[in-house]
Protein backbone atom coordinates (compact mmCIF):
# COMPACT_ATOMS: atom_id res chain seq x y z
CA UNK A 1 65.30 64.83 174.46
CA UNK A 2 63.44 66.58 172.03
CA UNK A 3 65.08 66.77 168.57
CA UNK A 4 66.23 70.09 167.66
CA UNK A 5 64.90 71.28 163.99
CA UNK A 6 67.59 73.21 162.21
CA UNK A 7 68.22 74.66 158.79
CA UNK A 8 70.68 71.48 158.17
CA UNK A 9 68.62 68.68 156.21
CA UNK A 10 71.06 66.13 156.22
CA UNK A 11 69.01 63.37 157.27
CA UNK A 12 70.40 59.58 158.31
CA UNK A 13 71.63 57.54 155.74
CA UNK A 14 68.96 54.91 156.21
CA UNK A 15 66.18 57.57 155.79
CA UNK A 16 68.27 59.44 152.92
CA UNK A 17 68.42 56.21 151.23
CA UNK A 18 64.72 55.42 151.54
CA UNK A 19 63.74 58.76 150.33
CA UNK A 20 66.14 58.60 147.53
CA UNK A 21 64.65 55.71 145.99
CA UNK A 22 60.88 56.85 146.48
CA UNK A 23 61.79 60.10 144.78
CA UNK A 24 64.15 58.20 141.83
CA UNK A 25 60.86 56.12 141.42
CA UNK A 26 58.56 58.79 141.08
CA UNK A 27 60.81 61.13 138.73
CA UNK A 28 61.76 58.52 136.65
CA UNK A 29 58.07 57.51 136.11
CA UNK A 30 57.19 60.60 134.55
CA UNK A 31 56.63 60.32 130.58
CA UNK A 32 59.47 62.74 129.62
CA UNK A 33 62.17 61.33 132.09
CA UNK A 34 65.18 60.01 130.35
CA UNK A 35 67.71 57.66 132.04
CA UNK A 36 71.41 57.50 131.02
CA UNK A 37 73.50 54.32 131.57
CA UNK A 38 75.22 55.84 134.61
CA UNK A 39 71.70 56.32 136.34
CA UNK A 40 71.51 60.11 135.84
CA UNK A 41 67.95 61.09 135.08
CA UNK A 42 66.94 64.05 133.11
CA UNK A 43 63.89 65.97 131.73
CA UNK A 44 64.39 68.77 129.02
CA UNK A 45 62.71 71.93 130.12
CA UNK A 46 63.75 74.06 127.33
CA UNK A 47 65.87 72.66 124.52
CA UNK A 48 68.19 75.25 122.58
CA UNK A 49 70.06 75.32 119.42
CA UNK A 50 73.57 76.37 121.14
CA UNK A 51 76.85 74.59 121.14
CA UNK A 52 77.73 71.79 123.05
CA UNK A 53 80.38 72.24 125.78
CA UNK A 54 83.37 70.10 126.68
CA UNK A 55 84.37 68.33 129.72
CA UNK A 56 87.28 70.99 129.49
CA UNK A 57 84.99 74.00 129.39
CA UNK A 58 84.26 76.47 132.29
CA UNK A 59 80.81 76.94 132.44
CA UNK A 60 78.14 79.71 133.65
CA UNK A 61 75.00 78.31 134.88
CA UNK A 62 71.85 79.04 136.86
CA UNK A 63 70.84 76.36 139.01
CA UNK A 64 68.62 75.42 141.91
CA UNK A 65 69.61 72.19 143.99
CA UNK A 66 66.84 70.41 146.05
CA UNK A 67 67.22 67.25 148.33
CA UNK A 68 64.40 64.44 148.03
CA UNK A 69 62.30 66.27 150.38
CA UNK A 70 62.22 69.47 148.73
CA UNK A 71 64.59 71.34 150.79
CA UNK A 72 66.43 74.13 148.56
CA UNK A 73 70.02 74.03 149.41
CA UNK A 74 71.44 76.39 146.58
CA UNK A 75 69.38 78.61 144.19
CA UNK A 76 71.23 80.93 141.79
CA UNK A 77 68.23 81.88 140.09
CA UNK A 78 66.86 83.66 143.24
CA UNK A 79 70.19 84.98 144.25
CA UNK A 80 70.37 86.62 140.73
CA UNK A 81 74.11 85.48 140.27
CA UNK A 82 74.76 82.66 138.01
CA UNK A 83 77.69 80.21 138.87
CA UNK A 84 80.88 79.88 137.10
CA UNK A 85 83.03 76.64 137.23
CA UNK A 86 85.15 74.27 135.45
CA UNK A 87 83.19 71.06 134.12
CA UNK A 88 86.06 69.16 135.45
CA UNK A 89 85.36 70.55 139.30
CA UNK A 90 81.57 69.36 139.21
CA UNK A 91 80.41 66.22 140.80
CA UNK A 92 79.94 63.26 138.22
CA UNK A 93 76.10 63.52 137.51
CA UNK A 94 76.32 67.31 137.29
CA UNK A 95 78.97 66.80 134.51
CA UNK A 96 77.47 64.55 132.73
CA UNK A 97 74.37 66.03 132.41
CA UNK A 98 75.73 69.35 131.43
CA UNK A 99 77.61 67.66 128.91
CA UNK A 100 74.08 66.71 127.32
CA UNK A 101 73.04 70.39 127.08
CA UNK A 102 73.37 72.57 124.17
CA UNK A 103 74.16 76.58 125.60
CA UNK A 104 70.92 78.20 126.50
CA UNK A 105 69.03 74.85 127.26
CA UNK A 106 67.49 74.26 130.75
CA UNK A 107 67.17 70.61 132.13
CA UNK A 108 65.86 69.09 135.31
CA UNK A 109 68.56 66.37 136.65
CA UNK A 110 67.96 63.92 139.16
CA UNK A 111 71.18 62.86 140.35
CA UNK A 112 71.31 59.58 142.52
CA UNK A 113 73.91 59.13 145.58
CA UNK A 114 76.68 57.27 143.78
CA UNK A 115 76.97 60.05 140.95
CA UNK A 116 76.90 62.74 143.68
CA UNK A 117 78.17 62.67 147.21
CA UNK A 118 77.79 59.16 147.73
CA UNK A 119 77.51 57.13 151.10
CA UNK A 120 79.74 59.85 152.79
CA UNK A 121 77.63 63.26 152.06
CA UNK A 122 79.58 66.49 151.88
CA UNK A 123 79.71 67.23 155.75
CA UNK A 124 77.43 70.26 154.86
CA UNK A 125 73.68 70.38 153.75
CA UNK A 126 73.98 67.00 151.97
CA UNK A 127 73.98 63.89 153.90
CA UNK A 128 75.04 60.38 153.21
CA UNK A 129 72.85 58.37 150.58
CA UNK A 130 71.01 61.60 149.39
CA UNK A 131 69.73 62.19 145.77
CA UNK A 132 70.08 65.81 144.41
CA UNK A 133 67.22 67.16 141.96
CA UNK A 134 68.93 70.02 140.07
CA UNK A 135 67.07 72.87 137.82
CA UNK A 136 70.01 73.92 135.34
CA UNK A 137 69.90 76.56 132.74
CA UNK A 138 73.27 76.53 130.70
CA UNK A 139 74.13 80.25 129.96
CA UNK A 140 77.46 80.02 128.51
CA UNK A 141 81.03 78.92 128.73
CA UNK A 142 83.96 81.06 129.46
């Protein structure tokens, strides 16, 4: 039976784990990549002199979220509509990353599965053991 190709890029747990490991290895080998104690890896694209946010803030950001294979699963840059949410609602890796950013900055984050949707995925576009690659611009707090 031929496998139907759809817009769903969830992938299998085993394949995602393999792709995740390869993606993390490649990204973390970049000379500008910084890894935190939790396993979050980031690069500073643009550093601003704005204020730091707190875990209690509501943030307004532009973000592009990709999977290890490059599939874009969300892109507020392209949509032209920044996203607003309470930082407390964000997945652990994104929350940690945004807390590192001064307002006005743009960072890239590689969020390993254990800081994102883990072994289960989110039953949507993000499969089990999937690494997430974020490009985030922190616009302001509300």
